[in-house]
N, C-alpha and C. Protein backbone atom coordinates (compact mmCIF):
# COMPACT_ATOMS: atom_id res chain seq x y z
N MET A 1 115.55 103.31 100.47
CA MET A 1 115.77 102.13 99.80
C MET A 1 115.04 101.05 99.34
N GLU A 2 115.98 100.21 98.99
CA GLU A 2 115.31 98.62 98.21
C GLU A 2 115.48 97.72 98.58
N LEU A 3 114.21 96.50 99.07
CA LEU A 3 114.46 95.82 99.78
C LEU A 3 113.53 94.33 98.95
N ASP A 4 114.45 93.56 98.34
CA ASP A 4 113.69 92.22 97.28
C ASP A 4 112.89 93.11 96.37
N GLY A 5 113.98 93.88 95.61
CA GLY A 5 112.90 94.22 94.58
C GLY A 5 112.11 95.50 94.67
N ILE A 6 111.75 95.58 95.82
CA ILE A 6 110.72 96.54 96.29
C ILE A 6 111.57 98.24 96.61
N LEU A 7 110.55 98.69 95.97
CA LEU A 7 111.48 100.47 96.23
C LEU A 7 110.23 100.84 97.91
N TYR A 8 111.54 101.31 98.72
CA TYR A 8 110.92 101.69 99.59
C TYR A 8 111.34 103.37 100.06
N THR A 9 110.20 104.59 100.53
CA THR A 9 110.67 105.55 100.90
C THR A 9 110.29 105.72 102.35
N SER A 10 111.35 106.11 103.15
CA SER A 10 111.16 106.89 104.57
C SER A 10 110.07 107.82 105.32
N LEU A 11 109.05 107.53 105.67
CA LEU A 11 107.99 108.07 106.16
C LEU A 11 108.61 108.94 106.75
N LYS A 12 109.47 109.24 107.41
CA LYS A 12 110.10 110.32 108.47
C LYS A 12 110.85 111.37 107.43
N ASP A 13 111.37 111.22 106.04
CA ASP A 13 111.42 112.03 104.79
C ASP A 13 110.61 112.71 104.07
N ILE A 14 109.28 112.05 104.15
CA ILE A 14 108.06 112.46 103.69
C ILE A 14 107.59 113.47 104.70
N THR A 15 107.61 113.33 105.96
CA THR A 15 107.64 113.78 107.13
C THR A 15 107.73 115.42 106.77
N THR A 16 109.45 115.33 107.25
CA THR A 16 109.96 116.55 106.89
C THR A 16 109.84 116.99 105.77
N ALA A 17 109.58 116.66 104.24
CA ALA A 17 109.87 117.59 103.47
C ALA A 17 108.26 118.24 103.28
N LEU A 18 107.24 117.35 103.81
CA LEU A 18 106.06 118.04 103.64
C LEU A 18 105.86 119.34 104.82
N ASN A 19 106.71 119.18 106.00
CA ASN A 19 106.59 120.01 106.99
C ASN A 19 107.28 121.72 106.14
N LEU A 20 108.62 120.89 105.95
CA LEU A 20 109.25 122.36 104.93
C LEU A 20 108.35 122.72 104.00
N GLU A 21 107.71 121.96 103.25
CA GLU A 21 107.26 122.70 101.91
C GLU A 21 106.06 123.56 102.72
N ASN A 22 105.20 123.52 103.57
CA ASN A 22 103.76 123.40 104.42
C ASN A 22 104.58 124.75 105.23
N ARG A 23 105.57 125.15 105.76
CA ARG A 23 106.24 126.43 106.46
C ARG A 23 106.14 127.22 105.10
N ALA A 24 107.26 126.66 103.85
CA ALA A 24 107.66 127.69 103.38
C ALA A 24 106.20 128.60 102.60
N LEU A 25 104.99 127.77 102.21
CA LEU A 25 103.62 128.19 101.37
C LEU A 25 103.22 128.98 102.67
N ASN A 26 103.35 128.53 104.19
CA ASN A 26 102.40 129.87 104.94
C ASN A 26 103.65 129.32 106.45
N GLU A 27 104.11 130.34 106.74
CA GLU A 27 105.00 130.60 107.96
C GLU A 27 104.22 130.68 109.01
N ARG A 28 103.12 130.62 109.29
CA ARG A 28 102.39 130.19 110.54
C ARG A 28 101.85 128.82 110.89
N HIS A 29 102.17 127.76 109.49
CA HIS A 29 101.91 126.19 109.34
C HIS A 29 102.74 125.38 110.65
N SER A 30 102.18 125.05 111.43
CA SER A 30 102.60 124.17 112.72
C SER A 30 103.13 123.19 112.50
N THR A 31 104.32 122.64 112.53
CA THR A 31 104.68 121.42 111.69
C THR A 31 104.32 119.74 112.25
N LYS A 32 104.12 118.61 111.76
CA LYS A 32 103.66 117.69 112.45
C LYS A 32 104.63 117.02 112.97
N LEU A 33 104.73 116.12 113.92
CA LEU A 33 105.73 115.79 115.14
C LEU A 33 105.74 114.30 113.82
N TYR A 34 106.82 113.41 113.42
CA TYR A 34 106.71 112.43 112.89
C TYR A 34 105.99 111.43 114.14
N THR A 35 105.74 111.34 115.09
CA THR A 35 105.17 110.54 116.44
C THR A 35 104.23 110.45 115.85
N THR A 36 103.36 111.44 115.97
CA THR A 36 102.13 112.02 115.56
C THR A 36 101.37 111.66 114.22
N VAL A 37 102.59 111.60 113.22
CA VAL A 37 101.96 111.04 112.34
C VAL A 37 102.15 109.64 111.43
N VAL A 38 102.55 109.14 112.36
CA VAL A 38 102.65 107.35 112.79
C VAL A 38 101.92 106.85 113.39
N GLN A 39 101.38 107.75 114.28
CA GLN A 39 100.11 107.22 114.93
C GLN A 39 98.96 106.99 114.28
N GLY A 40 98.96 108.54 113.51
CA GLY A 40 97.77 108.41 112.93
C GLY A 40 97.61 107.75 111.68
N ILE A 41 98.02 107.43 110.96
CA ILE A 41 98.57 106.29 109.40
C ILE A 41 98.61 105.02 109.91
N ILE A 42 99.61 105.14 110.69
CA ILE A 42 99.93 103.24 110.57
C ILE A 42 98.58 102.58 110.87
N HIS A 43 97.50 102.79 111.29
CA HIS A 43 96.14 101.99 111.61
C HIS A 43 95.49 101.53 109.95
N ASP A 44 95.62 102.95 109.30
CA ASP A 44 95.37 102.95 107.67
C ASP A 44 96.14 101.91 106.90
N LEU A 45 97.04 101.75 107.05
CA LEU A 45 98.20 101.21 106.01
C LEU A 45 97.97 99.61 106.03
N ASP A 46 97.51 99.15 104.98
CA ASP A 46 97.58 97.57 105.24
C ASP A 46 99.06 97.34 105.31
N GLN A 47 99.21 95.82 105.77
CA GLN A 47 100.39 94.86 106.01
C GLN A 47 101.70 95.34 104.48
N ASP A 48 100.82 95.35 103.46
CA ASP A 48 102.19 95.51 102.25
C ASP A 48 102.45 96.75 101.87
N GLU A 49 101.85 97.73 102.88
CA GLU A 49 102.01 98.65 101.87
C GLU A 49 103.06 99.80 103.10
N PHE A 50 103.62 99.04 103.94
CA PHE A 50 105.00 99.78 104.72
C PHE A 50 105.97 98.53 105.27
N LEU A 51 107.14 99.00 105.96
CA LEU A 51 108.18 98.05 106.30
C LEU A 51 108.34 99.07 107.64
N GLN A 52 108.55 97.89 109.07
CA GLN A 52 108.87 98.99 109.91
C GLN A 52 110.14 98.35 110.55
N LEU A 53 110.81 98.91 110.65
CA LEU A 53 112.63 98.39 110.91
C LEU A 53 112.56 98.22 112.68
N ASP A 54 113.48 97.59 113.17
CA ASP A 54 113.45 97.29 114.05
C ASP A 54 114.10 98.48 115.36
N ALA A 55 113.57 98.39 116.20
CA ALA A 55 113.96 98.98 117.12
C ALA A 55 115.68 100.01 117.27
N SER A 56 116.38 99.06 116.47
CA SER A 56 117.55 99.43 116.55
C SER A 56 117.63 100.42 115.76
N SER A 57 117.19 101.11 114.98
CA SER A 57 117.44 102.50 113.81
C SER A 57 117.27 103.52 114.80
N ASN A 58 117.50 104.47 114.54
CA ASN A 58 117.48 106.16 114.95
C ASN A 58 115.95 106.08 115.81
N HIS A 59 115.15 106.07 115.14
CA HIS A 59 113.49 106.15 115.90
C HIS A 59 113.03 105.17 117.04
N LYS A 60 112.90 105.82 118.38
CA LYS A 60 112.95 104.36 119.34
C LYS A 60 111.90 103.04 119.05
N ASP A 61 111.13 104.02 118.43
CA ASP A 61 109.60 103.24 117.29
C ASP A 61 110.27 102.40 116.49
N GLY A 62 111.39 102.49 115.73
CA GLY A 62 111.66 101.98 114.45
C GLY A 62 111.20 102.60 113.53
N GLU A 63 112.37 102.72 112.34
CA GLU A 63 111.66 103.83 111.31
C GLU A 63 110.52 102.88 110.56
N ILE A 64 109.61 103.98 109.74
CA ILE A 64 108.98 103.37 108.78
C ILE A 64 108.86 103.37 107.40
N PHE A 65 109.24 102.33 106.28
CA PHE A 65 109.18 102.66 105.23
C PHE A 65 108.24 102.52 104.73
N LEU A 66 107.92 103.29 103.55
CA LEU A 66 106.64 102.59 102.59
C LEU A 66 106.63 102.51 101.26
N THR A 67 105.53 101.60 100.76
CA THR A 67 105.80 101.34 99.54
C THR A 67 105.51 102.16 98.58
N GLN A 68 105.44 102.02 96.80
CA GLN A 68 104.63 103.14 96.77
C GLN A 68 103.14 103.19 96.32
N PRO A 69 101.97 101.97 97.03
CA PRO A 69 100.98 101.78 97.26
C PRO A 69 100.71 103.13 98.86
N GLY A 70 101.54 102.57 99.69
CA GLY A 70 101.52 103.28 101.27
C GLY A 70 101.99 105.04 100.94
N LEU A 71 102.66 104.60 100.08
CA LEU A 71 103.08 106.33 99.90
C LEU A 71 102.10 107.01 99.90
N TYR A 72 101.38 106.62 98.43
CA TYR A 72 100.27 107.71 97.89
C TYR A 72 99.27 107.48 98.79
N ARG A 73 98.83 106.66 99.78
CA ARG A 73 97.53 106.38 100.78
C ARG A 73 98.13 107.79 101.56
N VAL A 74 99.22 107.64 101.99
CA VAL A 74 99.61 109.38 103.24
C VAL A 74 99.45 109.97 102.22
N LEU A 75 100.14 110.39 100.76
CA LEU A 75 100.08 111.60 100.46
C LEU A 75 98.41 112.37 100.35
N SER A 76 97.55 110.80 99.80
CA SER A 76 95.92 111.19 99.83
C SER A 76 95.29 111.56 101.28
N ASN A 77 95.87 110.71 102.40
CA ASN A 77 95.69 111.51 102.97
C ASN A 77 95.56 113.13 103.73
N ASP A 78 96.72 113.79 103.02
CA ASP A 78 97.20 114.37 103.87
C ASP A 78 96.48 115.98 103.20
N LYS A 79 96.12 116.69 104.12
CA LYS A 79 95.09 117.99 103.65
C LYS A 79 95.64 118.83 103.79
N THR A 80 97.07 119.43 103.95
CA THR A 80 97.97 120.34 103.79
C THR A 80 98.11 120.89 102.10
N GLU A 81 98.63 121.88 102.20
CA GLU A 81 98.49 122.51 100.73
C GLU A 81 99.93 121.61 100.47
N ALA A 82 100.76 121.58 100.92
CA ALA A 82 102.17 120.89 100.44
C ALA A 82 101.76 119.46 99.80
N GLY A 83 100.53 118.80 100.67
CA GLY A 83 100.08 116.92 100.27
C GLY A 83 99.06 117.26 99.23
N LYS A 84 98.41 118.48 98.90
CA LYS A 84 97.66 118.78 97.86
C LYS A 84 98.82 118.96 96.66
N ASN A 85 99.58 119.89 96.74
CA ASN A 85 100.93 120.16 95.59
C ASN A 85 101.25 118.64 95.31
N SER A 86 101.33 117.94 96.45
CA SER A 86 102.36 116.42 95.65
C SER A 86 101.12 115.93 94.99
N LYS A 87 100.09 115.40 95.22
CA LYS A 87 99.27 114.99 94.88
C LYS A 87 98.89 115.36 93.38
N ASP A 88 98.79 116.55 93.13
CA ASP A 88 98.09 117.20 92.21
C ASP A 88 99.96 116.89 90.96
N GLY A 89 100.80 116.64 91.49
CA GLY A 89 101.88 116.73 90.78
C GLY A 89 101.98 115.11 90.06
N PHE A 90 101.70 114.26 91.11
CA PHE A 90 102.08 112.73 90.82
C PHE A 90 100.88 112.65 89.88
N PHE A 91 99.88 112.83 89.60
CA PHE A 91 98.59 113.06 88.87
C PHE A 91 98.81 113.39 87.50
N MET A 92 99.40 114.74 87.34
CA MET A 92 99.90 115.17 86.24
C MET A 92 101.23 114.39 85.79
N LYS A 93 101.83 113.87 86.29
CA LYS A 93 103.28 113.33 86.24
C LYS A 93 102.56 112.17 85.33
N HIS A 94 101.80 111.24 85.90
CA HIS A 94 101.61 109.84 85.66
C HIS A 94 100.36 109.49 85.22
N TYR A 95 99.64 110.29 84.83
CA TYR A 95 98.48 110.29 84.30
C TYR A 95 97.92 111.32 82.52
N GLN A 96 98.37 112.67 83.10
CA GLN A 96 98.65 113.51 81.37
C GLN A 96 99.26 113.23 80.17
N ARG A 97 98.29 113.39 79.52
CA ARG A 97 98.79 112.81 77.81
C ARG A 97 99.32 113.88 77.21
């Protein structure tokens, strides 16, 4: 989603993708609920790292969208194998010459 020239990524989509990848890597992986992720990360994000939509969205608390710095903070806090792979891929893409 883009708003005022800023690209936002859905936290719900990121949570779903990480859960799917972790399940593919380890069938015993217990999935993280979106609400649990929100409760765990929302206090760590700066105001300019996310946008929370009104409760009129599909989620009763409103859906959260992340800016690029917010997305990086979420991924850097994820200690799962999928989170590690995402961080490694990010650095390889952006910093390897």
